[in-house]
N, C-alpha and C. Protein backbone atom coordinates (compact mmCIF):
# COMPACT_ATOMS: atom_id res chain seq x y z
N MET A 1 192.44 111.72 167.63
CA MET A 1 191.91 112.66 168.80
C MET A 1 193.09 113.35 169.80
N ILE A 2 193.18 114.32 170.02
CA ILE A 2 194.11 114.95 170.83
C ILE A 2 193.57 114.67 172.52
N SER A 3 194.64 114.09 173.20
CA SER A 3 194.35 113.82 174.59
C SER A 3 194.30 115.20 175.31
N ARG A 4 193.44 115.09 176.31
CA ARG A 4 193.31 116.28 177.25
C ARG A 4 194.58 116.32 178.32
N ARG A 5 195.35 117.32 177.98
CA ARG A 5 196.53 117.26 178.83
C ARG A 5 196.84 118.64 179.67
N ILE A 6 197.22 118.55 180.74
CA ILE A 6 197.74 119.75 181.78
C ILE A 6 199.12 119.42 182.05
N ILE A 7 199.68 120.61 182.54
CA ILE A 7 201.05 120.61 182.89
C ILE A 7 201.10 121.17 184.27
N ILE A 8 201.67 120.54 185.19
CA ILE A 8 201.94 120.93 186.74
C ILE A 8 203.47 121.11 186.76
N GLY A 9 203.56 122.65 187.19
CA GLY A 9 204.88 123.02 187.68
C GLY A 9 205.13 123.11 189.14
N ILE A 10 206.05 122.53 189.69
CA ILE A 10 206.30 122.81 191.10
C ILE A 10 207.69 123.54 191.31
N SER A 11 207.72 124.58 191.98
CA SER A 11 208.87 125.57 191.86
C SER A 11 209.37 125.48 193.21
N GLY A 12 210.30 126.19 193.78
CA GLY A 12 210.84 126.04 195.06
C GLY A 12 210.48 127.02 195.95
N ALA A 13 209.33 127.65 196.04
CA ALA A 13 208.77 128.39 197.05
C ALA A 13 208.16 127.38 198.08
N SER A 14 207.97 128.19 199.19
CA SER A 14 207.39 127.26 200.54
C SER A 14 205.96 127.08 200.04
N GLY A 15 205.58 125.65 200.31
CA GLY A 15 204.22 125.19 200.00
C GLY A 15 204.26 123.95 199.00
N PHE A 16 205.24 123.00 198.82
CA PHE A 16 205.11 121.90 198.08
C PHE A 16 203.87 121.29 198.24
N GLN A 17 203.38 121.44 199.15
CA GLN A 17 202.06 120.46 199.40
C GLN A 17 201.08 120.83 198.34
N TYR A 18 200.94 122.23 197.88
CA TYR A 18 200.26 122.82 196.65
C TYR A 18 200.31 121.75 195.61
N GLY A 19 201.44 121.68 195.18
CA GLY A 19 201.65 120.83 194.02
C GLY A 19 201.27 119.54 194.12
N VAL A 20 201.54 118.97 195.30
CA VAL A 20 201.20 117.35 195.41
C VAL A 20 199.58 117.40 195.60
N LYS A 21 198.96 118.45 195.95
CA LYS A 21 197.53 118.27 195.90
C LYS A 21 196.92 118.30 194.69
N ALA A 22 197.50 119.17 193.76
CA ALA A 22 196.86 119.23 192.45
C ALA A 22 197.16 117.96 191.86
N LEU A 23 198.43 117.17 191.89
CA LEU A 23 198.33 116.13 191.61
C LEU A 23 197.59 115.03 191.86
N GLU A 24 197.10 114.81 193.36
CA GLU A 24 196.26 114.17 193.67
C GLU A 24 194.70 114.48 193.29
N LEU A 25 194.28 115.51 193.09
CA LEU A 25 193.16 115.91 192.68
C LEU A 25 193.03 115.72 191.22
N LEU A 26 193.93 115.61 190.46
CA LEU A 26 193.89 115.38 188.99
C LEU A 26 193.92 113.77 188.81
N LYS A 27 194.51 112.94 189.69
CA LYS A 27 194.68 111.57 189.54
C LYS A 27 193.05 111.02 189.28
N GLY A 28 192.93 110.18 188.29
CA GLY A 28 191.61 109.55 188.04
C GLY A 28 190.92 110.25 186.95
N LEU A 29 191.33 111.51 186.77
CA LEU A 29 190.32 112.31 185.73
C LEU A 29 190.83 112.14 184.36
N ASP A 30 189.87 112.20 183.34
CA ASP A 30 190.37 112.02 181.96
C ASP A 30 191.38 113.03 181.55
N LEU A 31 192.49 113.06 182.21
CA LEU A 31 193.43 114.00 181.87
C LEU A 31 194.83 113.46 181.71
N GLU A 32 195.91 113.98 180.96
CA GLU A 32 197.01 113.37 180.85
C GLU A 32 197.80 114.40 181.66
N VAL A 33 198.35 113.95 182.68
CA VAL A 33 199.20 114.90 183.61
C VAL A 33 200.59 115.03 183.36
N HIS A 34 201.26 116.25 182.92
CA HIS A 34 202.62 116.24 182.64
C HIS A 34 203.35 117.14 184.08
N LEU A 35 204.43 116.66 184.47
CA LEU A 35 205.02 117.08 185.63
C LEU A 35 206.34 117.74 185.41
N VAL A 36 206.76 118.97 185.98
CA VAL A 36 208.17 119.34 185.99
C VAL A 36 208.19 119.74 187.38
N VAL A 37 209.51 119.46 187.85
CA VAL A 37 209.93 119.90 189.33
C VAL A 37 211.13 120.78 189.27
N SER A 38 211.24 121.76 189.77
CA SER A 38 212.58 122.66 189.95
C SER A 38 213.50 121.79 190.77
N ARG A 39 214.65 122.09 190.97
CA ARG A 39 215.79 121.68 191.93
C ARG A 39 215.60 122.32 193.31
N GLY A 40 214.95 123.66 193.19
CA GLY A 40 214.73 124.06 194.34
C GLY A 40 213.49 123.39 195.01
N ALA A 41 212.35 122.89 194.34
CA ALA A 41 211.07 122.28 194.91
C ALA A 41 211.55 120.99 195.44
N GLU A 42 212.55 120.23 194.94
CA GLU A 42 213.32 119.12 195.69
C GLU A 42 213.64 119.41 196.96
N LYS A 43 214.33 120.37 197.12
CA LYS A 43 214.93 120.68 198.24
C LYS A 43 213.93 121.06 199.40
N THR A 44 212.92 121.86 198.84
CA THR A 44 211.69 122.17 199.83
C THR A 44 211.08 121.05 200.05
N CYS A 45 210.77 120.19 199.33
CA CYS A 45 210.11 118.95 199.45
C CYS A 45 210.75 117.98 200.85
N ARG A 46 212.10 118.03 200.76
CA ARG A 46 212.80 117.28 201.73
C ARG A 46 212.76 118.23 202.94
N LEU A 47 212.72 119.59 203.08
CA LEU A 47 212.81 120.48 204.21
C LEU A 47 211.30 120.55 204.78
N GLU A 48 210.15 120.68 204.15
CA GLU A 48 209.16 120.77 204.42
C GLU A 48 208.11 119.64 204.78
N THR A 49 208.29 118.41 204.14
CA THR A 49 207.46 117.69 204.00
C THR A 49 207.97 116.14 204.31
N ASP A 50 207.39 115.25 204.55
CA ASP A 50 207.55 113.88 204.66
C ASP A 50 207.47 113.06 203.32
N TYR A 51 207.23 113.82 202.22
CA TYR A 51 207.01 112.96 200.80
C TYR A 51 208.36 112.61 200.29
N ARG A 52 208.10 111.44 199.59
CA ARG A 52 209.51 111.17 198.97
C ARG A 52 209.24 111.65 197.65
N MET A 53 210.06 112.03 196.78
CA MET A 53 210.05 112.38 195.25
C MET A 53 209.48 111.38 194.30
N ASP A 54 209.89 110.08 194.71
CA ASP A 54 209.39 108.93 194.03
C ASP A 54 207.96 108.85 194.11
N GLU A 55 207.37 109.18 195.35
CA GLU A 55 205.96 108.91 195.56
C GLU A 55 205.20 110.04 194.81
N VAL A 56 205.87 111.44 194.61
CA VAL A 56 205.16 112.48 194.35
C VAL A 56 205.33 112.30 192.48
N ILE A 57 206.07 111.91 191.84
CA ILE A 57 206.34 111.81 190.51
C ILE A 57 205.50 110.61 190.11
N SER A 58 205.10 109.64 190.85
CA SER A 58 204.10 108.49 190.59
C SER A 58 202.86 109.13 190.25
N LEU A 59 202.65 110.11 190.88
CA LEU A 59 201.11 110.82 190.65
C LEU A 59 200.86 111.27 189.17
N ALA A 60 202.12 111.71 188.59
CA ALA A 60 201.78 112.25 187.21
C ALA A 60 201.89 110.92 186.13
N ASP A 61 201.66 111.36 184.93
CA ASP A 61 201.23 110.24 183.89
C ASP A 61 202.71 110.30 183.13
N LYS A 62 203.33 111.68 183.11
CA LYS A 62 204.66 111.78 182.26
C LYS A 62 205.36 112.83 183.24
N VAL A 63 206.66 112.57 183.37
CA VAL A 63 207.54 113.55 184.39
C VAL A 63 208.83 113.84 183.51
N HIS A 64 209.00 115.21 183.29
CA HIS A 64 210.04 115.79 182.48
C HIS A 64 211.39 116.29 183.51
N PRO A 65 212.54 116.04 183.31
CA PRO A 65 213.53 116.84 183.72
C PRO A 65 213.32 118.38 183.71
N ILE A 66 213.83 118.82 184.79
CA ILE A 66 213.83 120.32 184.56
C ILE A 66 214.76 120.84 183.60
N GLU A 67 215.89 120.21 183.28
CA GLU A 67 216.94 120.66 182.21
C GLU A 67 216.59 120.33 180.73
N ASP A 68 215.47 119.54 180.79
CA ASP A 68 215.35 119.10 179.25
C ASP A 68 214.44 119.89 178.28
N LEU A 69 215.13 121.01 177.96
CA LEU A 69 214.39 121.98 177.10
C LEU A 69 213.81 121.47 175.72
N GLY A 70 214.21 120.12 175.28
CA GLY A 70 213.57 119.63 174.31
C GLY A 70 212.31 118.60 174.46
N ALA A 71 211.86 118.56 175.71
CA ALA A 71 210.49 117.94 175.94
C ALA A 71 209.41 118.55 175.41
N SER A 72 208.51 117.62 175.34
CA SER A 72 207.31 117.67 174.59
C SER A 72 206.51 119.10 174.97
N ILE A 73 206.50 119.38 176.28
CA ILE A 73 205.82 120.43 176.88
C ILE A 73 206.79 121.90 176.60
N ALA A 74 207.63 121.76 176.02
CA ALA A 74 208.44 122.93 175.44
C ALA A 74 208.22 123.52 174.00
N SER A 75 207.07 122.79 173.51
CA SER A 75 206.83 122.95 172.11
C SER A 75 205.32 123.59 172.20
N GLY A 76 204.98 124.60 171.29
CA GLY A 76 203.55 124.96 171.26
C GLY A 76 202.80 123.98 170.59
N SER A 77 203.58 123.26 169.46
CA SER A 77 202.39 122.34 168.92
C SER A 77 202.02 121.08 169.53
N PHE A 78 202.57 121.04 170.81
CA PHE A 78 202.15 120.15 171.71
C PHE A 78 201.01 120.70 172.53
N HIS A 79 199.74 120.12 172.31
CA HIS A 79 198.53 120.97 172.85
C HIS A 79 198.20 120.36 174.26
N THR A 80 197.98 121.38 174.97
CA THR A 80 197.62 121.30 176.48
C THR A 80 196.47 122.21 176.79
N LEU A 81 195.73 121.96 177.82
CA LEU A 81 194.64 123.03 178.21
C LEU A 81 195.51 124.21 178.98
N GLY A 82 196.72 124.09 179.43
CA GLY A 82 197.40 125.15 179.91
C GLY A 82 198.34 124.64 181.15
N MET A 83 198.63 125.64 181.95
CA MET A 83 199.68 125.11 183.19
C MET A 83 199.32 125.66 184.49
N LEU A 84 199.48 124.86 185.46
CA LEU A 84 199.44 125.46 187.03
C LEU A 84 200.72 125.34 187.60
N VAL A 85 201.37 126.43 188.08
CA VAL A 85 202.47 126.28 188.72
C VAL A 85 202.23 126.54 190.34
N ALA A 86 202.55 125.39 191.08
CA ALA A 86 201.85 125.39 192.60
C ALA A 86 202.97 124.75 193.25
N PRO A 87 203.71 125.34 194.14
CA PRO A 87 203.62 126.88 194.33
C PRO A 87 204.40 127.60 193.18
N CYS A 88 204.37 128.72 192.90
CA CYS A 88 205.20 129.63 192.28
C CYS A 88 206.14 130.42 192.87
N SER A 89 207.49 130.49 192.93
CA SER A 89 208.40 131.24 193.60
C SER A 89 208.48 132.58 193.05
N MET A 90 209.07 133.55 193.55
CA MET A 90 209.28 134.97 193.04
C MET A 90 210.19 134.80 192.02
N ARG A 91 211.31 133.80 192.11
CA ARG A 91 212.41 133.66 191.09
C ARG A 91 211.52 133.25 189.57
N THR A 92 210.69 132.18 189.77
CA THR A 92 209.92 131.83 188.68
C THR A 92 208.99 132.85 188.22
N LEU A 93 208.38 133.44 188.81
CA LEU A 93 207.41 134.56 188.28
C LEU A 93 208.28 135.64 187.71
N ALA A 94 209.39 135.85 188.07
CA ALA A 94 210.08 136.99 187.30
C ALA A 94 210.68 136.38 186.15
N ALA A 95 211.19 135.27 186.24
CA ALA A 95 211.52 134.33 184.87
C ALA A 95 210.58 134.51 183.87
N ILE A 96 209.11 134.02 184.16
CA ILE A 96 208.03 134.08 183.32
C ILE A 96 207.84 135.57 182.88
N ALA A 97 207.82 136.48 183.91
CA ALA A 97 207.45 137.57 183.50
C ALA A 97 208.40 138.47 182.46
N HIS A 98 209.61 137.97 182.43
CA HIS A 98 210.63 138.61 181.77
C HIS A 98 211.04 137.54 180.41
N CYS A 99 210.35 136.32 180.28
CA CYS A 99 210.59 135.41 179.21
C CYS A 99 211.84 134.88 179.23
N LEU A 100 212.43 134.58 180.34
CA LEU A 100 213.63 133.95 180.62
C LEU A 100 213.66 132.61 180.65
N THR A 101 213.47 131.84 179.62
CA THR A 101 213.21 130.50 179.60
C THR A 101 214.73 129.73 179.57
N ASP A 102 215.17 129.51 181.01
CA ASP A 102 216.32 129.14 181.19
C ASP A 102 216.06 127.57 181.90
N ASN A 103 214.87 127.08 182.00
CA ASN A 103 214.65 125.80 182.59
C ASN A 103 213.37 125.13 181.89
N LEU A 104 212.95 123.84 182.03
CA LEU A 104 211.78 123.50 181.39
C LEU A 104 210.57 124.09 182.11
N LEU A 105 210.54 124.43 183.36
CA LEU A 105 209.37 125.13 183.97
C LEU A 105 209.15 126.25 183.05
N THR A 106 210.14 127.17 183.36
CA THR A 106 209.81 128.53 182.75
C THR A 106 209.50 128.38 181.34
N ARG A 107 210.20 127.60 180.53
CA ARG A 107 210.09 127.59 178.94
C ARG A 107 208.59 127.10 179.00
N ALA A 108 208.05 125.95 179.72
CA ALA A 108 206.72 125.53 179.30
C ALA A 108 205.58 126.55 179.58
N ALA A 109 206.03 127.42 180.73
CA ALA A 109 205.02 128.58 181.04
C ALA A 109 205.09 129.63 179.91
N ASP A 110 206.17 129.96 179.40
CA ASP A 110 206.34 130.82 178.28
C ASP A 110 205.54 130.32 177.00
N VAL A 111 205.66 129.05 176.77
CA VAL A 111 204.86 128.62 175.71
C VAL A 111 203.53 128.48 175.75
N VAL A 112 202.84 128.29 177.05
CA VAL A 112 201.50 128.40 177.44
C VAL A 112 200.83 129.65 177.03
N LEU A 113 201.78 130.88 177.46
CA LEU A 113 201.51 132.20 176.97
C LEU A 113 201.52 132.59 175.87
N LYS A 114 202.51 132.10 175.10
CA LYS A 114 202.72 132.46 173.63
C LYS A 114 201.50 131.91 172.78
N GLU A 115 200.90 130.58 173.20
CA GLU A 115 200.14 129.73 172.50
C GLU A 115 198.67 130.46 173.07
N ARG A 116 198.57 131.28 173.89
CA ARG A 116 197.27 131.95 174.32
C ARG A 116 196.44 130.79 175.04
N ARG A 117 197.00 129.99 175.98
CA ARG A 117 196.45 129.10 176.94
C ARG A 117 196.71 129.65 178.16
N ARG A 118 195.92 128.83 179.20
CA ARG A 118 195.61 129.51 180.54
C ARG A 118 196.86 129.11 181.33
N LEU A 119 197.48 130.33 182.01
CA LEU A 119 198.58 129.79 182.82
C LEU A 119 198.13 130.54 184.13
N VAL A 120 198.30 129.72 185.21
CA VAL A 120 197.68 130.17 186.58
C VAL A 120 199.02 129.90 187.48
N LEU A 121 199.43 130.82 188.22
CA LEU A 121 200.67 130.95 189.16
C LEU A 121 200.00 131.01 190.43
N MET A 122 200.48 130.00 191.55
CA MET A 122 199.80 130.15 192.65
C MET A 122 201.26 130.70 193.42
N ALA A 123 201.37 132.14 193.30
CA ALA A 123 202.22 132.71 193.92
C ALA A 123 202.38 132.92 195.21
N ARG A 124 203.65 132.41 195.89
CA ARG A 124 203.92 132.17 197.14
C ARG A 124 204.89 132.98 197.99
N GLU A 125 204.51 134.32 198.38
CA GLU A 125 205.50 135.14 199.04
C GLU A 125 204.52 136.24 199.84
N THR A 126 205.21 136.70 201.02
CA THR A 126 204.61 137.64 201.65
C THR A 126 205.54 138.45 202.61
N PRO A 127 205.74 139.50 203.13
CA PRO A 127 205.14 140.59 202.21
C PRO A 127 205.72 140.91 200.91
N LEU A 128 205.16 141.58 199.74
CA LEU A 128 205.60 141.77 198.55
C LEU A 128 206.23 143.03 198.16
N ASN A 129 207.40 142.94 197.50
CA ASN A 129 208.06 144.30 197.27
C ASN A 129 207.61 144.81 196.03
N LEU A 130 207.86 145.89 195.44
CA LEU A 130 207.41 146.68 194.35
C LEU A 130 207.98 145.84 193.16
N GLY A 131 208.98 145.06 193.01
CA GLY A 131 209.57 144.07 191.99
C GLY A 131 208.44 142.96 191.88
N HIS A 132 208.23 142.41 192.81
CA HIS A 132 207.13 141.35 192.66
C HIS A 132 205.84 141.65 192.18
N LEU A 133 205.39 142.86 192.77
CA LEU A 133 204.07 143.30 192.21
C LEU A 133 204.20 143.72 190.80
N ARG A 134 205.28 144.47 190.31
CA ARG A 134 205.54 144.71 188.82
C ARG A 134 205.37 143.35 188.10
N ASN A 135 206.22 142.31 188.52
CA ASN A 135 206.29 140.97 187.93
C ASN A 135 204.85 140.49 187.65
N MET A 136 204.09 140.73 188.72
CA MET A 136 202.69 140.04 188.63
C MET A 136 201.77 140.73 187.66
N GLN A 137 202.13 142.02 187.73
CA GLN A 137 201.28 142.91 186.67
C GLN A 137 201.76 142.30 185.25
N GLN A 138 203.04 142.30 185.08
CA GLN A 138 203.61 141.93 183.74
C GLN A 138 202.78 140.78 183.48
N VAL A 139 202.90 139.76 183.93
CA VAL A 139 202.33 138.16 183.88
C VAL A 139 200.79 138.58 183.53
N THR A 140 200.24 139.36 184.34
CA THR A 140 198.69 139.55 184.11
C THR A 140 198.42 140.22 182.59
N GLU A 141 199.26 141.18 182.40
CA GLU A 141 199.04 141.75 181.06
C GLU A 141 199.57 140.51 179.70
N MET A 142 200.19 139.75 180.15
CA MET A 142 200.52 138.73 179.14
C MET A 142 199.68 137.76 179.15
N GLY A 143 198.53 137.69 179.76
CA GLY A 143 197.43 136.75 179.99
C GLY A 143 197.66 135.85 180.93
N GLY A 144 198.43 135.74 181.85
CA GLY A 144 198.51 134.81 182.82
C GLY A 144 197.53 135.26 184.07
N ILE A 145 197.43 134.42 184.99
CA ILE A 145 196.63 134.56 186.28
C ILE A 145 197.41 134.36 187.57
N ILE A 146 197.53 135.30 188.31
CA ILE A 146 198.12 135.31 189.53
C ILE A 146 197.19 134.90 190.65
N PHE A 147 197.37 133.75 191.26
CA PHE A 147 196.36 133.06 192.13
C PHE A 147 197.25 132.72 193.28
N PRO A 148 197.35 133.73 194.34
CA PRO A 148 197.80 133.38 195.46
C PRO A 148 197.00 132.54 196.58
N PRO A 149 197.67 131.53 197.14
CA PRO A 149 196.92 130.44 197.77
C PRO A 149 196.40 131.08 199.30
N VAL A 150 195.38 132.12 199.01
CA VAL A 150 194.78 132.79 200.39
C VAL A 150 193.85 131.87 200.71
N PRO A 151 193.89 131.26 201.81
CA PRO A 151 192.75 130.39 202.55
C PRO A 151 191.43 131.25 202.58
N ALA A 152 190.36 130.45 202.20
CA ALA A 152 188.91 130.73 202.14
C ALA A 152 188.49 129.96 203.37
N LEU A 153 187.92 130.83 204.16
CA LEU A 153 187.38 130.48 205.60
C LEU A 153 186.01 130.05 205.61
N TYR A 154 185.08 130.66 204.72
CA TYR A 154 183.74 130.55 204.73
C TYR A 154 183.29 129.07 204.57
N HIS A 155 184.06 128.08 204.31
CA HIS A 155 183.64 126.78 204.59
C HIS A 155 184.23 125.93 205.81
N ARG A 156 184.51 126.73 206.35
CA ARG A 156 184.85 126.12 207.98
C ARG A 156 185.92 125.26 207.98
N PRO A 157 187.08 125.38 207.28
CA PRO A 157 188.05 124.15 207.03
C PRO A 157 188.71 123.48 208.51
N GLN A 158 188.52 122.32 208.61
CA GLN A 158 188.96 121.71 209.65
C GLN A 158 190.38 121.33 210.05
N THR A 159 191.09 121.39 208.80
CA THR A 159 192.26 120.91 208.92
C THR A 159 193.10 121.86 207.72
N PRO A 160 194.75 121.81 207.85
CA PRO A 160 195.52 122.62 206.69
C PRO A 160 195.10 121.78 205.42
N ASP A 161 194.74 120.33 205.40
CA ASP A 161 194.44 119.66 204.12
C ASP A 161 193.28 120.41 203.48
N ASP A 162 192.28 120.73 204.41
CA ASP A 162 191.06 121.47 203.81
C ASP A 162 191.56 122.70 203.19
N ILE A 163 192.21 123.51 203.64
CA ILE A 163 192.77 124.50 203.29
C ILE A 163 193.29 124.62 201.83
N ILE A 164 194.53 123.60 201.92
CA ILE A 164 195.15 123.35 200.53
C ILE A 164 194.37 123.06 199.69
N THR A 165 193.43 121.89 199.82
CA THR A 165 192.64 121.23 198.68
C THR A 165 191.64 122.46 198.21
N HIS A 166 191.09 123.33 199.03
CA HIS A 166 190.14 124.36 198.58
C HIS A 166 190.84 125.12 197.58
N SER A 167 192.07 125.56 198.03
CA SER A 167 192.80 126.77 197.19
C SER A 167 193.21 126.06 195.70
N VAL A 168 193.85 124.76 195.82
CA VAL A 168 194.14 123.99 194.62
C VAL A 168 192.76 123.69 193.83
N GLY A 169 191.87 123.56 194.34
CA GLY A 169 190.48 123.21 193.60
C GLY A 169 190.15 124.38 192.94
N ARG A 170 190.27 125.69 193.59
CA ARG A 170 189.72 126.71 192.98
C ARG A 170 190.71 127.16 191.77
N ALA A 171 192.24 126.94 191.97
CA ALA A 171 192.88 127.26 191.09
C ALA A 171 192.68 126.19 189.77
N LEU A 172 192.40 125.19 190.13
CA LEU A 172 192.23 124.18 188.73
C LEU A 172 190.66 124.58 188.04
N ASP A 173 189.92 125.19 188.78
CA ASP A 173 188.76 125.80 188.21
C ASP A 173 188.92 126.74 187.02
N LEU A 174 190.17 127.50 187.19
CA LEU A 174 190.57 128.52 186.36
C LEU A 174 191.20 127.93 185.05
N LEU A 175 191.56 126.56 185.26
CA LEU A 175 191.74 125.82 183.86
C LEU A 175 190.74 124.99 183.17
N GLY A 176 189.59 125.23 183.64
CA GLY A 176 188.26 124.57 183.37
C GLY A 176 188.10 123.25 183.68
N ILE A 177 188.85 122.95 184.95
CA ILE A 177 188.98 121.52 185.63
C ILE A 177 188.01 121.67 186.80
N GLU A 178 187.00 120.94 186.91
CA GLU A 178 186.26 121.13 188.17
C GLU A 178 186.27 120.00 189.16
N ILE A 179 186.72 120.09 190.27
CA ILE A 179 186.71 119.13 191.23
C ILE A 179 185.39 118.96 192.01
N LYS A 180 185.15 117.75 191.98
CA LYS A 180 183.96 117.24 192.69
C LYS A 180 184.02 117.64 194.23
N ASN A 181 182.92 117.87 194.94
CA ASN A 181 182.84 117.93 196.39
C ASN A 181 183.76 119.15 196.94
N LEU A 182 184.16 120.17 195.88
CA LEU A 182 184.69 121.24 196.47
C LEU A 182 183.91 122.19 197.00
N PRO A 183 183.96 122.57 198.46
CA PRO A 183 183.05 123.74 198.67
C PRO A 183 182.99 124.82 198.10
N ARG A 184 181.89 125.35 197.88
CA ARG A 184 181.50 126.57 197.08
C ARG A 184 180.35 127.32 197.87
N TRP A 185 180.51 128.71 197.76
CA TRP A 185 179.81 129.59 198.33
C TRP A 185 178.40 129.69 197.64
N GLY A 186 177.30 129.32 198.53
CA GLY A 186 175.74 129.46 197.77
C GLY A 186 175.44 128.01 197.55
N ASP A 187 176.11 126.81 197.49
CA ASP A 187 175.86 125.56 197.40
C ASP A 187 175.64 124.73 198.77
N GLY A 188 174.51 123.81 198.62
CA GLY A 188 174.36 123.15 199.76
C GLY A 188 173.78 123.93 201.08
N ASP A 189 174.00 123.63 202.10
CA ASP A 189 173.26 124.22 203.27
C ASP A 189 173.86 125.55 203.71
N THR A 190 173.14 126.59 203.85
CA THR A 190 173.32 127.96 204.39
C THR A 190 174.59 127.79 205.58
N ILE A 191 175.45 128.68 205.24
CA ILE A 191 176.58 128.55 206.27
C ILE A 191 176.19 129.53 207.62
N LYS A 192 176.46 128.73 208.44
CA LYS A 192 175.91 129.43 209.81
C LYS A 192 177.07 129.67 210.77
N THR A 193 176.74 130.69 211.87
CA THR A 193 177.84 131.22 212.63
C THR A 193 177.73 129.96 213.91
N PRO A 194 178.92 130.08 214.89
CA PRO A 194 179.02 129.06 215.92
C PRO A 194 177.75 128.84 216.44
N HIS A 195 176.95 129.84 216.57
CA HIS A 195 175.75 129.97 217.43
C HIS A 195 174.52 129.41 216.94
N GLY A 196 174.63 129.06 215.46
CA GLY A 196 173.60 128.20 214.74
C GLY A 196 172.93 129.24 213.73
N GLU A 197 173.03 130.57 213.93
CA GLU A 197 172.13 131.49 213.20
C GLU A 197 172.60 131.70 211.91
N PRO A 198 171.97 131.96 210.66
CA PRO A 198 172.59 132.07 209.39
C PRO A 198 173.72 133.33 209.40
N ALA A 199 174.80 133.21 208.77
CA ALA A 199 175.79 134.24 208.89
C ALA A 199 175.22 135.37 208.03
N ASP A 200 175.86 136.29 208.59
CA ASP A 200 175.52 137.68 207.94
C ASP A 200 176.02 137.85 206.66
N ASP A 201 175.27 138.31 205.76
CA ASP A 201 175.84 138.37 204.41
C ASP A 201 175.88 139.87 203.85
N SER A 202 175.95 141.02 204.72
CA SER A 202 175.82 142.18 204.28
C SER A 202 177.06 142.71 204.28
N PHE A 203 178.18 142.03 203.90
CA PHE A 203 179.37 142.43 203.62
C PHE A 203 179.70 143.13 202.24
């Protein structure tokens, strides 16, 4: 019986926390989590967070060096549910859009696309130039999903972690992985305004 596997890629865009949150949410689920981290992401981790890389990689079941193009996740015969790149830099987006498999992260993403599996890219950049938009269009036409981590505010997040958790949980939804207790529109109590009346839904 083939294990249920997922690939998490962390590239060098701002927002290393998105990748860590994906690993945390997947921990304890009936999934084998494969992780690949770019050199840029390691630098971003040092600059933006208090995480130690050994703490981060301990959250995955298997960790693959970025230069190991012979790793299991570089082959289409290695079955996975798909891949989430969180965050996805514009450099990584461009490489995927143009099939430039120059490291294991972009090779794994290319394999996911060629095998018609689900690829979700939490593209992290603003504002966007025309090149960025064209690369997003090209990846979409190839079957990938562009998922910028745009905050959802309808669930009244109280902390930055609430915002990150919701964005990553929704991205994992697209891979068929449901995260328990993720706030969803229409579930639970009616969302109300600060004055207590139901929110206007006539938008």
